[in-house]
Amino acid sequence: MNSTEARHNDQTATLGDLQIAQPALPAKVGAEDYLIVPERVAALATAQHPKIIEFVHYLTRHCGSDGIADRSHINPAEILPLLPHLMILDVLDNGADFRVRVFGTGLVTLLGEERTGQLASQFGDKAIIANDYAEMRNRWMLVFRKAHSQGIAAHFKAPTVSPDRSYMHYHGMLAPMTNGSQEIKQLIGIMVAVMSGQKPVMTTKR
């Protein structure tokens, strides 16, 4: 067994070792399904949200023999309902940073920031939602770097770091993607919000 095969067969070692395969929705998700890492991002062995499962199935169909999809194989017209949740990033300096190439409109609304063209190290610079931006950037960089360095999709769940949105958490995945060569030059992923508590009722003063 070569090192790549070994990585694909080990689903529990680190966030970056989690893979695209077997995206079945479990009957119940419990604490045993999560691997907690220091930045308070829970790594999932497989996709847990229906939209992410749908995207994983699509991506898996377009993967090459190395288990990685090429940008030329991705047709946005085939995943129109998922586009608002989609992101594509360019890998810079072998993973030292990442630049957002595509950032879905749903993500802009959800996160309060248009990140198209932005560096991952600058996330939060133009946000309109109160947030712990240092921790938020650390979380994203963890997931991005794991997906890039391990060459396998990273599925994750994380609570929001916004004090105004403590009633929700995020499910997402980032996968490596080539672009005309065998080198991992991009990442492609999807993220959705899930209610994890009761949204506060907004009242107006009279």
N, C-alpha and C. Protein backbone atom coordinates (compact mmCIF):
# COMPACT_ATOMS: atom_id res chain seq x y z
N MET A 1 0.85 -1.20 0.00
CA MET A 1 0.00 0.00 0.00
C MET A 1 0.88 1.24 0.00
N ASN A 2 0.61 2.17 -0.92
CA ASN A 2 1.40 3.38 -0.94
C ASN A 2 0.84 4.40 0.04
N SER A 3 1.55 5.53 0.20
CA SER A 3 1.16 6.52 1.22
C SER A 3 -0.20 7.12 0.93
N THR A 4 -0.51 7.31 -0.38
CA THR A 4 -1.82 7.88 -0.74
C THR A 4 -2.93 6.94 -0.34
N GLU A 5 -2.77 5.63 -0.62
CA GLU A 5 -3.78 4.66 -0.24
C GLU A 5 -3.94 4.60 1.26
N ALA A 6 -2.82 4.71 1.98
CA ALA A 6 -2.89 4.68 3.43
C ALA A 6 -3.69 5.85 3.97
N ARG A 7 -3.49 7.04 3.37
CA ARG A 7 -4.25 8.21 3.81
C ARG A 7 -5.74 8.00 3.58
N HIS A 8 -6.10 7.42 2.43
CA HIS A 8 -7.50 7.24 2.10
C HIS A 8 -8.17 6.21 3.00
N ASN A 9 -7.41 5.27 3.56
CA ASN A 9 -7.99 4.26 4.41
C ASN A 9 -8.06 4.66 5.87
N ASP A 10 -7.43 5.77 6.24
CA ASP A 10 -7.43 6.22 7.62
C ASP A 10 -8.32 7.44 7.73
N GLN A 11 -9.49 7.30 8.39
CA GLN A 11 -10.46 8.39 8.46
C GLN A 11 -10.44 9.10 9.80
N THR A 12 -9.55 8.74 10.72
CA THR A 12 -9.66 9.29 12.07
C THR A 12 -8.41 10.00 12.56
N ALA A 13 -7.30 10.02 11.80
CA ALA A 13 -6.05 10.53 12.33
C ALA A 13 -6.07 12.04 12.54
N THR A 14 -6.31 12.80 11.47
CA THR A 14 -6.36 14.26 11.57
C THR A 14 -7.42 14.79 10.64
N LEU A 15 -7.72 16.07 10.78
CA LEU A 15 -8.71 16.69 9.92
C LEU A 15 -8.39 16.46 8.46
N GLY A 16 -7.13 16.58 8.07
CA GLY A 16 -6.76 16.45 6.67
C GLY A 16 -6.85 15.04 6.14
N ASP A 17 -6.96 14.04 7.00
CA ASP A 17 -7.03 12.67 6.53
C ASP A 17 -8.46 12.23 6.21
N LEU A 18 -9.43 13.09 6.42
CA LEU A 18 -10.80 12.72 6.16
C LEU A 18 -11.07 12.79 4.67
N GLN A 19 -11.92 11.88 4.18
CA GLN A 19 -12.00 11.70 2.75
C GLN A 19 -13.39 11.95 2.19
N ILE A 20 -13.50 11.95 0.85
CA ILE A 20 -14.75 12.20 0.16
C ILE A 20 -15.67 10.99 0.21
N ALA A 21 -15.12 9.80 0.24
CA ALA A 21 -15.89 8.59 0.03
C ALA A 21 -16.95 8.35 1.09
N GLN A 22 -17.93 7.50 0.77
CA GLN A 22 -18.98 7.04 1.66
C GLN A 22 -19.78 8.17 2.29
N PRO A 23 -20.39 9.05 1.48
CA PRO A 23 -21.13 10.19 2.03
C PRO A 23 -22.56 9.85 2.42
N ALA A 24 -22.77 8.82 3.25
CA ALA A 24 -24.11 8.44 3.66
C ALA A 24 -24.54 9.27 4.86
N LEU A 25 -25.81 9.65 4.89
CA LEU A 25 -26.34 10.45 6.00
C LEU A 25 -26.69 9.52 7.16
N PRO A 26 -26.05 9.67 8.34
CA PRO A 26 -26.33 8.78 9.46
C PRO A 26 -27.69 9.07 10.06
N ALA A 27 -28.25 8.06 10.73
CA ALA A 27 -29.55 8.23 11.36
C ALA A 27 -29.46 9.22 12.52
N LYS A 28 -28.33 9.23 13.20
CA LYS A 28 -28.14 10.12 14.34
C LYS A 28 -26.68 10.51 14.44
N VAL A 29 -26.42 11.76 14.69
CA VAL A 29 -25.06 12.24 14.84
C VAL A 29 -24.78 12.47 16.32
N GLY A 30 -23.75 11.84 16.84
CA GLY A 30 -23.41 11.98 18.24
C GLY A 30 -21.99 12.46 18.42
N ALA A 31 -21.57 12.60 19.66
CA ALA A 31 -20.24 13.12 19.95
C ALA A 31 -19.15 12.23 19.35
N GLU A 32 -19.44 10.93 19.21
CA GLU A 32 -18.43 10.02 18.69
C GLU A 32 -18.14 10.27 17.21
N ASP A 33 -18.99 11.05 16.52
CA ASP A 33 -18.78 11.33 15.11
C ASP A 33 -17.80 12.46 14.88
N TYR A 34 -17.33 13.10 15.93
CA TYR A 34 -16.50 14.28 15.78
C TYR A 34 -15.10 14.09 16.35
N LEU A 35 -14.15 14.70 15.67
CA LEU A 35 -12.78 14.74 16.17
C LEU A 35 -12.48 16.21 16.43
N ILE A 36 -12.37 16.59 17.69
CA ILE A 36 -12.21 18.00 18.04
C ILE A 36 -10.73 18.39 17.90
N VAL A 37 -10.50 19.51 17.25
CA VAL A 37 -9.14 20.02 17.08
C VAL A 37 -9.04 21.35 17.82
N PRO A 38 -7.83 21.86 18.07
CA PRO A 38 -7.65 23.01 18.96
C PRO A 38 -8.48 24.24 18.60
N GLU A 39 -8.68 24.51 17.33
CA GLU A 39 -9.41 25.72 16.95
C GLU A 39 -10.92 25.57 17.06
N ARG A 40 -11.38 24.51 17.73
CA ARG A 40 -12.80 24.25 17.95
C ARG A 40 -13.53 24.02 16.63
N VAL A 41 -12.87 23.32 15.74
CA VAL A 41 -13.50 22.83 14.53
C VAL A 41 -13.64 21.32 14.69
N ALA A 42 -14.84 20.80 14.50
CA ALA A 42 -15.05 19.36 14.60
C ALA A 42 -14.92 18.74 13.22
N ALA A 43 -14.01 17.80 13.08
CA ALA A 43 -13.82 17.11 11.80
C ALA A 43 -14.80 15.96 11.71
N LEU A 44 -15.47 15.83 10.59
CA LEU A 44 -16.42 14.76 10.37
C LEU A 44 -15.82 13.73 9.42
N ALA A 45 -16.06 12.46 9.69
CA ALA A 45 -15.53 11.40 8.84
C ALA A 45 -16.18 11.42 7.46
N THR A 46 -17.42 11.85 7.39
CA THR A 46 -18.13 11.97 6.11
C THR A 46 -19.06 13.17 6.19
N ALA A 47 -19.64 13.53 5.06
CA ALA A 47 -20.59 14.64 5.02
C ALA A 47 -21.83 14.29 5.85
N GLN A 48 -22.38 15.29 6.54
CA GLN A 48 -23.53 15.07 7.39
C GLN A 48 -24.76 15.88 6.95
N HIS A 49 -24.59 16.85 6.08
CA HIS A 49 -25.69 17.70 5.65
C HIS A 49 -26.11 17.34 4.23
N PRO A 50 -27.42 17.31 3.93
CA PRO A 50 -27.87 16.88 2.60
C PRO A 50 -27.24 17.64 1.43
N LYS A 51 -27.09 18.95 1.55
CA LYS A 51 -26.50 19.71 0.46
C LYS A 51 -25.03 19.32 0.24
N ILE A 52 -24.33 19.08 1.34
CA ILE A 52 -22.92 18.70 1.22
C ILE A 52 -22.80 17.28 0.67
N ILE A 53 -23.70 16.41 1.09
CA ILE A 53 -23.72 15.05 0.54
C ILE A 53 -23.94 15.10 -0.96
N GLU A 54 -24.88 15.93 -1.41
CA GLU A 54 -25.13 16.08 -2.85
C GLU A 54 -23.88 16.55 -3.58
N PHE A 55 -23.19 17.53 -3.01
CA PHE A 55 -21.98 18.04 -3.65
C PHE A 55 -20.87 16.99 -3.65
N VAL A 56 -20.75 16.23 -2.56
CA VAL A 56 -19.74 15.18 -2.48
C VAL A 56 -19.98 14.12 -3.56
N HIS A 57 -21.24 13.73 -3.75
CA HIS A 57 -21.55 12.76 -4.80
C HIS A 57 -21.13 13.30 -6.17
N TYR A 58 -21.45 14.58 -6.40
CA TYR A 58 -21.08 15.19 -7.69
C TYR A 58 -19.57 15.20 -7.87
N LEU A 59 -18.86 15.64 -6.83
CA LEU A 59 -17.41 15.76 -6.92
C LEU A 59 -16.77 14.38 -7.11
N THR A 60 -17.29 13.39 -6.42
CA THR A 60 -16.74 12.04 -6.52
C THR A 60 -16.85 11.51 -7.94
N ARG A 61 -17.97 11.81 -8.61
CA ARG A 61 -18.15 11.34 -10.00
C ARG A 61 -17.13 11.96 -10.95
N HIS A 62 -16.56 13.10 -10.56
CA HIS A 62 -15.65 13.80 -11.45
C HIS A 62 -14.19 13.70 -11.02
N CYS A 63 -13.92 12.86 -10.04
CA CYS A 63 -12.54 12.68 -9.59
C CYS A 63 -11.77 11.79 -10.55
N GLY A 64 -10.48 12.06 -10.68
CA GLY A 64 -9.61 11.22 -11.48
C GLY A 64 -9.17 10.00 -10.71
N SER A 65 -8.23 9.26 -11.26
CA SER A 65 -7.74 8.04 -10.62
C SER A 65 -7.05 8.32 -9.29
N ASP A 66 -6.60 9.56 -9.10
CA ASP A 66 -5.95 9.92 -7.85
C ASP A 66 -6.94 10.41 -6.80
N GLY A 67 -8.24 10.37 -7.12
CA GLY A 67 -9.25 10.80 -6.16
C GLY A 67 -9.45 12.30 -6.09
N ILE A 68 -8.87 13.04 -7.03
CA ILE A 68 -8.95 14.50 -7.04
C ILE A 68 -9.58 14.97 -8.35
N ALA A 69 -10.52 15.91 -8.25
CA ALA A 69 -11.17 16.45 -9.44
C ALA A 69 -10.32 17.54 -10.06
N ASP A 70 -10.43 17.70 -11.37
CA ASP A 70 -9.78 18.80 -12.08
C ASP A 70 -10.81 19.88 -12.36
N ARG A 71 -10.37 21.13 -12.35
CA ARG A 71 -11.29 22.26 -12.56
C ARG A 71 -12.06 22.13 -13.87
N SER A 72 -11.44 21.57 -14.89
CA SER A 72 -12.09 21.45 -16.19
C SER A 72 -13.28 20.49 -16.16
N HIS A 73 -13.36 19.64 -15.13
CA HIS A 73 -14.43 18.66 -15.03
C HIS A 73 -15.65 19.20 -14.28
N ILE A 74 -15.52 20.37 -13.69
CA ILE A 74 -16.61 20.94 -12.90
C ILE A 74 -17.45 21.85 -13.78
N ASN A 75 -18.73 21.50 -13.91
CA ASN A 75 -19.66 22.28 -14.73
C ASN A 75 -20.70 22.93 -13.81
N PRO A 76 -20.61 24.24 -13.60
CA PRO A 76 -21.55 24.91 -12.69
C PRO A 76 -23.01 24.66 -13.03
N ALA A 77 -23.31 24.48 -14.31
CA ALA A 77 -24.70 24.27 -14.72
C ALA A 77 -25.28 22.98 -14.15
N GLU A 78 -24.42 22.07 -13.75
CA GLU A 78 -24.87 20.79 -13.21
C GLU A 78 -25.17 20.85 -11.71
N ILE A 79 -24.78 21.93 -11.07
CA ILE A 79 -24.98 22.05 -9.61
C ILE A 79 -25.55 23.42 -9.26
N LEU A 80 -26.47 23.90 -10.07
CA LEU A 80 -27.01 25.26 -9.88
C LEU A 80 -27.55 25.51 -8.47
N PRO A 81 -28.30 24.58 -7.85
CA PRO A 81 -28.82 24.86 -6.51
C PRO A 81 -27.74 25.01 -5.44
N LEU A 82 -26.54 24.49 -5.73
CA LEU A 82 -25.46 24.53 -4.74
C LEU A 82 -24.54 25.73 -4.91
N LEU A 83 -24.65 26.43 -6.03
CA LEU A 83 -23.71 27.52 -6.31
C LEU A 83 -23.69 28.61 -5.25
N PRO A 84 -24.82 28.97 -4.63
CA PRO A 84 -24.75 30.02 -3.58
C PRO A 84 -23.87 29.63 -2.40
N HIS A 85 -23.63 28.33 -2.23
CA HIS A 85 -22.85 27.85 -1.09
C HIS A 85 -21.41 27.47 -1.47
N LEU A 86 -21.06 27.68 -2.71
CA LEU A 86 -19.79 27.17 -3.25
C LEU A 86 -18.65 28.18 -3.09
N MET A 87 -17.44 27.65 -2.86
CA MET A 87 -16.24 28.48 -2.86
C MET A 87 -15.12 27.75 -3.59
N ILE A 88 -14.30 28.52 -4.30
CA ILE A 88 -13.10 28.00 -4.95
C ILE A 88 -11.96 28.93 -4.57
N LEU A 89 -10.83 28.36 -4.20
CA LEU A 89 -9.67 29.16 -3.78
C LEU A 89 -8.44 28.72 -4.55
N ASP A 90 -7.57 29.68 -4.84
CA ASP A 90 -6.26 29.40 -5.41
C ASP A 90 -5.28 29.17 -4.27
N VAL A 91 -4.42 28.19 -4.44
CA VAL A 91 -3.36 27.91 -3.46
C VAL A 91 -2.17 28.80 -3.76
N LEU A 92 -1.71 29.54 -2.77
CA LEU A 92 -0.58 30.45 -2.94
C LEU A 92 0.62 29.98 -2.12
N ASP A 93 1.79 30.06 -2.71
CA ASP A 93 3.05 29.75 -2.00
C ASP A 93 2.98 28.41 -1.28
N ASN A 94 2.51 27.40 -2.00
CA ASN A 94 2.45 26.03 -1.47
C ASN A 94 1.63 25.94 -0.18
N GLY A 95 0.57 26.72 -0.10
CA GLY A 95 -0.32 26.64 1.04
C GLY A 95 -0.06 27.65 2.14
N ALA A 96 0.85 28.58 1.91
CA ALA A 96 1.09 29.62 2.91
C ALA A 96 -0.13 30.52 3.05
N ASP A 97 -0.86 30.68 1.95
CA ASP A 97 -2.08 31.48 1.96
C ASP A 97 -2.95 31.01 0.81
N PHE A 98 -4.17 31.52 0.75
CA PHE A 98 -5.13 31.12 -0.27
C PHE A 98 -5.90 32.35 -0.70
N ARG A 99 -6.19 32.44 -2.00
CA ARG A 99 -6.97 33.57 -2.50
C ARG A 99 -8.30 33.06 -3.04
N VAL A 100 -9.39 33.71 -2.62
CA VAL A 100 -10.72 33.29 -3.03
C VAL A 100 -10.97 33.69 -4.48
N ARG A 101 -11.31 32.71 -5.29
CA ARG A 101 -11.64 32.95 -6.69
C ARG A 101 -13.16 33.02 -6.89
N VAL A 102 -13.87 32.16 -6.19
CA VAL A 102 -15.34 32.12 -6.26
C VAL A 102 -15.89 32.07 -4.85
N PHE A 103 -16.88 32.90 -4.56
CA PHE A 103 -17.51 32.93 -3.23
C PHE A 103 -19.00 33.14 -3.44
N GLY A 104 -19.79 32.09 -3.19
CA GLY A 104 -21.21 32.12 -3.48
C GLY A 104 -21.97 33.23 -2.77
N THR A 105 -23.05 33.66 -3.40
CA THR A 105 -23.85 34.76 -2.84
C THR A 105 -24.44 34.38 -1.49
N GLY A 106 -24.76 33.10 -1.30
CA GLY A 106 -25.28 32.66 -0.01
C GLY A 106 -24.25 32.78 1.09
N LEU A 107 -22.98 32.55 0.75
CA LEU A 107 -21.90 32.70 1.72
C LEU A 107 -21.67 34.17 2.07
N VAL A 108 -21.81 35.03 1.07
CA VAL A 108 -21.67 36.47 1.32
C VAL A 108 -22.72 36.93 2.33
N THR A 109 -23.96 36.50 2.11
CA THR A 109 -25.04 36.87 3.02
C THR A 109 -24.83 36.26 4.41
N LEU A 110 -24.43 35.01 4.44
CA LEU A 110 -24.26 34.30 5.70
C LEU A 110 -23.14 34.88 6.55
N LEU A 111 -22.01 35.19 5.92
CA LEU A 111 -20.82 35.62 6.64
C LEU A 111 -20.65 37.13 6.68
N GLY A 112 -21.49 37.86 5.93
CA GLY A 112 -21.44 39.31 5.99
C GLY A 112 -20.21 39.91 5.35
N GLU A 113 -19.66 39.22 4.34
CA GLU A 113 -18.45 39.73 3.70
C GLU A 113 -18.31 39.13 2.31
N GLU A 114 -18.06 39.97 1.32
CA GLU A 114 -17.75 39.51 -0.03
C GLU A 114 -16.26 39.19 -0.07
N ARG A 115 -15.92 37.92 -0.21
CA ARG A 115 -14.53 37.51 -0.11
C ARG A 115 -13.89 37.18 -1.46
N THR A 116 -14.61 37.36 -2.53
CA THR A 116 -14.03 37.11 -3.84
C THR A 116 -12.79 38.00 -4.03
N GLY A 117 -11.67 37.39 -4.37
CA GLY A 117 -10.42 38.12 -4.56
C GLY A 117 -9.64 38.34 -3.29
N GLN A 118 -10.20 37.98 -2.15
CA GLN A 118 -9.57 38.24 -0.86
C GLN A 118 -8.64 37.09 -0.45
N LEU A 119 -7.58 37.43 0.26
CA LEU A 119 -6.71 36.41 0.83
C LEU A 119 -7.35 35.83 2.09
N ALA A 120 -7.12 34.54 2.34
CA ALA A 120 -7.66 33.93 3.55
C ALA A 120 -7.11 34.62 4.79
N SER A 121 -5.88 35.08 4.72
CA SER A 121 -5.27 35.77 5.86
C SER A 121 -5.90 37.13 6.12
N GLN A 122 -6.78 37.58 5.21
CA GLN A 122 -7.46 38.87 5.37
C GLN A 122 -8.94 38.72 5.68
N PHE A 123 -9.42 37.49 5.84
CA PHE A 123 -10.83 37.29 6.12
C PHE A 123 -11.25 38.13 7.33
N GLY A 124 -12.36 38.83 7.19
CA GLY A 124 -12.88 39.65 8.27
C GLY A 124 -12.55 41.11 8.15
N ASP A 125 -11.63 41.46 7.24
CA ASP A 125 -11.22 42.86 7.12
C ASP A 125 -12.36 43.78 6.69
N LYS A 126 -13.33 43.21 5.93
CA LYS A 126 -14.43 44.03 5.43
C LYS A 126 -15.78 43.51 5.89
N ALA A 127 -15.80 42.71 6.92
CA ALA A 127 -17.04 42.10 7.39
C ALA A 127 -17.93 43.12 8.09
N ILE A 128 -19.24 42.89 7.99
CA ILE A 128 -20.20 43.78 8.63
C ILE A 128 -20.89 43.10 9.82
N ILE A 129 -20.45 41.88 10.14
CA ILE A 129 -21.02 41.13 11.25
C ILE A 129 -19.97 41.01 12.35
N ALA A 130 -20.37 41.27 13.60
CA ALA A 130 -19.45 41.15 14.73
C ALA A 130 -18.91 39.73 14.80
N ASN A 131 -17.61 39.60 15.02
CA ASN A 131 -17.00 38.29 14.95
C ASN A 131 -15.66 38.30 15.69
N ASP A 132 -15.18 37.12 16.05
CA ASP A 132 -13.81 36.96 16.53
C ASP A 132 -12.98 36.61 15.31
N TYR A 133 -12.48 37.63 14.64
CA TYR A 133 -11.87 37.42 13.32
C TYR A 133 -10.57 36.65 13.39
N ALA A 134 -9.81 36.80 14.45
CA ALA A 134 -8.56 36.05 14.58
C ALA A 134 -8.84 34.56 14.64
N GLU A 135 -9.81 34.17 15.47
CA GLU A 135 -10.14 32.75 15.57
C GLU A 135 -10.77 32.26 14.27
N MET A 136 -11.61 33.08 13.66
CA MET A 136 -12.24 32.70 12.40
C MET A 136 -11.20 32.42 11.32
N ARG A 137 -10.19 33.30 11.21
CA ARG A 137 -9.14 33.07 10.22
C ARG A 137 -8.34 31.80 10.54
N ASN A 138 -8.08 31.57 11.82
CA ASN A 138 -7.35 30.37 12.21
C ASN A 138 -8.11 29.11 11.81
N ARG A 139 -9.42 29.13 12.00
CA ARG A 139 -10.23 27.96 11.62
C ARG A 139 -10.15 27.70 10.13
N TRP A 140 -10.35 28.74 9.34
CA TRP A 140 -10.32 28.57 7.89
C TRP A 140 -8.94 28.10 7.42
N MET A 141 -7.90 28.69 7.95
CA MET A 141 -6.56 28.30 7.51
C MET A 141 -6.27 26.85 7.88
N LEU A 142 -6.76 26.39 9.01
CA LEU A 142 -6.58 25.01 9.41
C LEU A 142 -7.20 24.07 8.36
N VAL A 143 -8.44 24.35 8.00
CA VAL A 143 -9.14 23.49 7.05
C VAL A 143 -8.49 23.57 5.67
N PHE A 144 -8.18 24.80 5.22
CA PHE A 144 -7.56 24.95 3.90
C PHE A 144 -6.24 24.21 3.81
N ARG A 145 -5.41 24.37 4.82
CA ARG A 145 -4.06 23.77 4.77
C ARG A 145 -4.12 22.26 4.88
N LYS A 146 -5.06 21.74 5.65
CA LYS A 146 -5.20 20.30 5.75
C LYS A 146 -5.65 19.71 4.41
N ALA A 147 -6.64 20.33 3.79
CA ALA A 147 -7.11 19.83 2.50
C ALA A 147 -6.01 19.86 1.46
N HIS A 148 -5.21 20.92 1.48
CA HIS A 148 -4.13 21.05 0.51
C HIS A 148 -2.98 20.09 0.80
N SER A 149 -2.53 20.04 2.04
CA SER A 149 -1.33 19.26 2.36
C SER A 149 -1.59 17.75 2.32
N GLN A 150 -2.80 17.33 2.69
CA GLN A 150 -3.12 15.91 2.70
C GLN A 150 -3.67 15.42 1.37
N GLY A 151 -4.18 16.34 0.54
CA GLY A 151 -4.72 15.94 -0.76
C GLY A 151 -6.01 15.17 -0.66
N ILE A 152 -6.76 15.37 0.41
CA ILE A 152 -8.02 14.68 0.65
C ILE A 152 -9.02 15.68 1.23
N ALA A 153 -10.30 15.52 0.88
CA ALA A 153 -11.31 16.46 1.35
C ALA A 153 -11.42 16.46 2.87
N ALA A 154 -11.63 17.64 3.43
CA ALA A 154 -11.84 17.81 4.87
C ALA A 154 -13.28 18.22 5.11
N HIS A 155 -14.01 17.38 5.82
CA HIS A 155 -15.38 17.68 6.23
C HIS A 155 -15.34 18.25 7.64
N PHE A 156 -16.12 19.27 7.91
CA PHE A 156 -16.05 19.88 9.23
C PHE A 156 -17.39 20.42 9.69
N LYS A 157 -17.48 20.60 10.99
CA LYS A 157 -18.60 21.28 11.63
C LYS A 157 -18.00 22.24 12.64
N ALA A 158 -18.54 23.46 12.71
CA ALA A 158 -17.98 24.44 13.63
C ALA A 158 -19.06 25.39 14.12
N PRO A 159 -19.01 25.75 15.39
CA PRO A 159 -19.92 26.78 15.87
C PRO A 159 -19.48 28.13 15.32
N THR A 160 -20.42 29.02 15.15
CA THR A 160 -20.06 30.35 14.70
C THR A 160 -19.27 31.08 15.79
N VAL A 161 -18.38 31.95 15.39
CA VAL A 161 -17.64 32.75 16.37
C VAL A 161 -18.27 34.14 16.52
N SER A 162 -19.41 34.35 15.86
CA SER A 162 -20.11 35.63 15.98
C SER A 162 -21.02 35.62 17.20
N PRO A 163 -20.88 36.59 18.10
CA PRO A 163 -21.76 36.63 19.28
C PRO A 163 -23.21 36.89 18.90
N ASP A 164 -23.45 37.42 17.71
CA ASP A 164 -24.80 37.69 17.26
C ASP A 164 -25.46 36.47 16.63
N ARG A 165 -24.69 35.40 16.43
CA ARG A 165 -25.23 34.23 15.75
C ARG A 165 -24.89 32.94 16.49
N SER A 166 -24.99 32.99 17.80
CA SER A 166 -24.67 31.83 18.61
C SER A 166 -25.69 30.71 18.44
N TYR A 167 -26.80 31.00 17.78
CA TYR A 167 -27.86 30.02 17.58
C TYR A 167 -27.62 29.14 16.35
N MET A 168 -26.49 29.31 15.66
CA MET A 168 -26.24 28.50 14.47
C MET A 168 -24.82 27.96 14.48
N HIS A 169 -24.62 26.92 13.67
CA HIS A 169 -23.28 26.41 13.43
C HIS A 169 -23.18 26.08 11.95
N TYR A 170 -21.97 25.78 11.51
CA TYR A 170 -21.71 25.57 10.09
C TYR A 170 -21.29 24.14 9.81
N HIS A 171 -21.76 23.62 8.69
CA HIS A 171 -21.25 22.37 8.14
C HIS A 171 -20.57 22.71 6.82
N GLY A 172 -19.43 22.10 6.55
CA GLY A 172 -18.75 22.38 5.29
C GLY A 172 -17.76 21.32 4.91
N MET A 173 -17.21 21.47 3.73
CA MET A 173 -16.13 20.60 3.27
C MET A 173 -15.29 21.37 2.27
N LEU A 174 -14.00 21.10 2.29
CA LEU A 174 -13.04 21.64 1.32
C LEU A 174 -12.28 20.47 0.73
N ALA A 175 -12.14 20.45 -0.59
CA ALA A 175 -11.44 19.37 -1.27
C ALA A 175 -10.36 19.94 -2.18
N PRO A 176 -9.27 19.20 -2.36
CA PRO A 176 -8.22 19.65 -3.29
C PRO A 176 -8.71 19.54 -4.72
N MET A 177 -8.18 20.39 -5.58
CA MET A 177 -8.56 20.37 -6.99
C MET A 177 -7.35 20.75 -7.84
N THR A 178 -7.15 20.02 -8.92
CA THR A 178 -6.10 20.36 -9.87
C THR A 178 -6.67 21.29 -10.93
N ASN A 179 -5.78 21.84 -11.74
CA ASN A 179 -6.22 22.75 -12.79
C ASN A 179 -5.29 22.61 -14.00
N GLY A 180 -5.43 21.46 -14.66
CA GLY A 180 -4.65 21.23 -15.87
C GLY A 180 -3.34 20.50 -15.66
N SER A 181 -3.00 20.19 -14.40
CA SER A 181 -1.78 19.44 -14.11
C SER A 181 -2.05 18.58 -12.89
N GLN A 182 -1.05 17.82 -12.45
CA GLN A 182 -1.23 16.97 -11.28
C GLN A 182 -1.05 17.72 -9.96
N GLU A 183 -0.58 18.95 -10.04
CA GLU A 183 -0.37 19.74 -8.84
C GLU A 183 -1.68 20.28 -8.30
N ILE A 184 -1.83 20.25 -6.98
CA ILE A 184 -3.03 20.80 -6.34
C ILE A 184 -2.89 22.32 -6.30
N LYS A 185 -3.57 22.98 -7.22
CA LYS A 185 -3.46 24.43 -7.34
C LYS A 185 -4.67 25.16 -6.77
N GLN A 186 -5.76 24.42 -6.52
CA GLN A 186 -6.97 25.05 -6.04
C GLN A 186 -7.65 24.16 -5.02
N LEU A 187 -8.57 24.77 -4.27
CA LEU A 187 -9.47 24.06 -3.38
C LEU A 187 -10.89 24.39 -3.79
N ILE A 188 -11.78 23.43 -3.65
CA ILE A 188 -13.19 23.67 -3.93
C ILE A 188 -13.99 23.17 -2.75
N GLY A 189 -15.01 23.91 -2.36
CA GLY A 189 -15.75 23.50 -1.19
C GLY A 189 -17.14 24.11 -1.12
N ILE A 190 -17.82 23.76 -0.05
CA ILE A 190 -19.20 24.20 0.15
C ILE A 190 -19.43 24.34 1.65
N MET A 191 -20.27 25.30 2.04
CA MET A 191 -20.59 25.47 3.44
C MET A 191 -22.04 25.92 3.59
N VAL A 192 -22.71 25.40 4.62
CA VAL A 192 -24.09 25.77 4.90
C VAL A 192 -24.23 26.03 6.40
N ALA A 193 -25.26 26.76 6.76
CA ALA A 193 -25.56 27.04 8.17
C ALA A 193 -26.69 26.15 8.64
N VAL A 194 -26.59 25.72 9.90
CA VAL A 194 -27.61 24.88 10.52
C VAL A 194 -27.98 25.51 11.86
N MET A 195 -29.28 25.58 12.13
CA MET A 195 -29.72 26.12 13.41
C MET A 195 -29.35 25.16 14.53
N SER A 196 -28.67 25.67 15.57
CA SER A 196 -28.28 24.84 16.70
C SER A 196 -28.91 25.32 17.99
N GLY A 197 -29.78 26.28 17.87
CA GLY A 197 -30.46 26.85 19.03
C GLY A 197 -31.60 27.73 18.55
N GLN A 198 -32.21 28.43 19.44
CA GLN A 198 -33.34 29.29 19.10
C GLN A 198 -32.84 30.68 18.75
N LYS A 199 -33.24 31.15 17.58
CA LYS A 199 -32.86 32.49 17.16
C LYS A 199 -33.54 33.50 18.07
N PRO A 200 -32.80 34.48 18.58
CA PRO A 200 -33.42 35.46 19.48
C PRO A 200 -34.48 36.30 18.76
N VAL A 201 -35.53 36.62 19.50
CA VAL A 201 -36.61 37.44 18.94
C VAL A 201 -36.20 38.91 19.03
N MET A 202 -36.24 39.59 17.89
CA MET A 202 -35.87 40.99 17.86
C MET A 202 -37.10 41.83 18.22
N THR A 203 -36.93 42.75 19.14
CA THR A 203 -38.01 43.62 19.55
C THR A 203 -37.66 45.07 19.23
N THR A 204 -38.65 45.87 19.06
CA THR A 204 -38.45 47.29 18.77
C THR A 204 -38.92 48.11 19.97
N LYS A 205 -38.19 49.14 20.26
CA LYS A 205 -38.56 50.01 21.37
C LYS A 205 -39.69 50.93 20.98
N ARG A 206 -40.59 51.14 21.90
CA ARG A 206 -41.72 52.03 21.64
C ARG A 206 -41.53 53.34 22.41
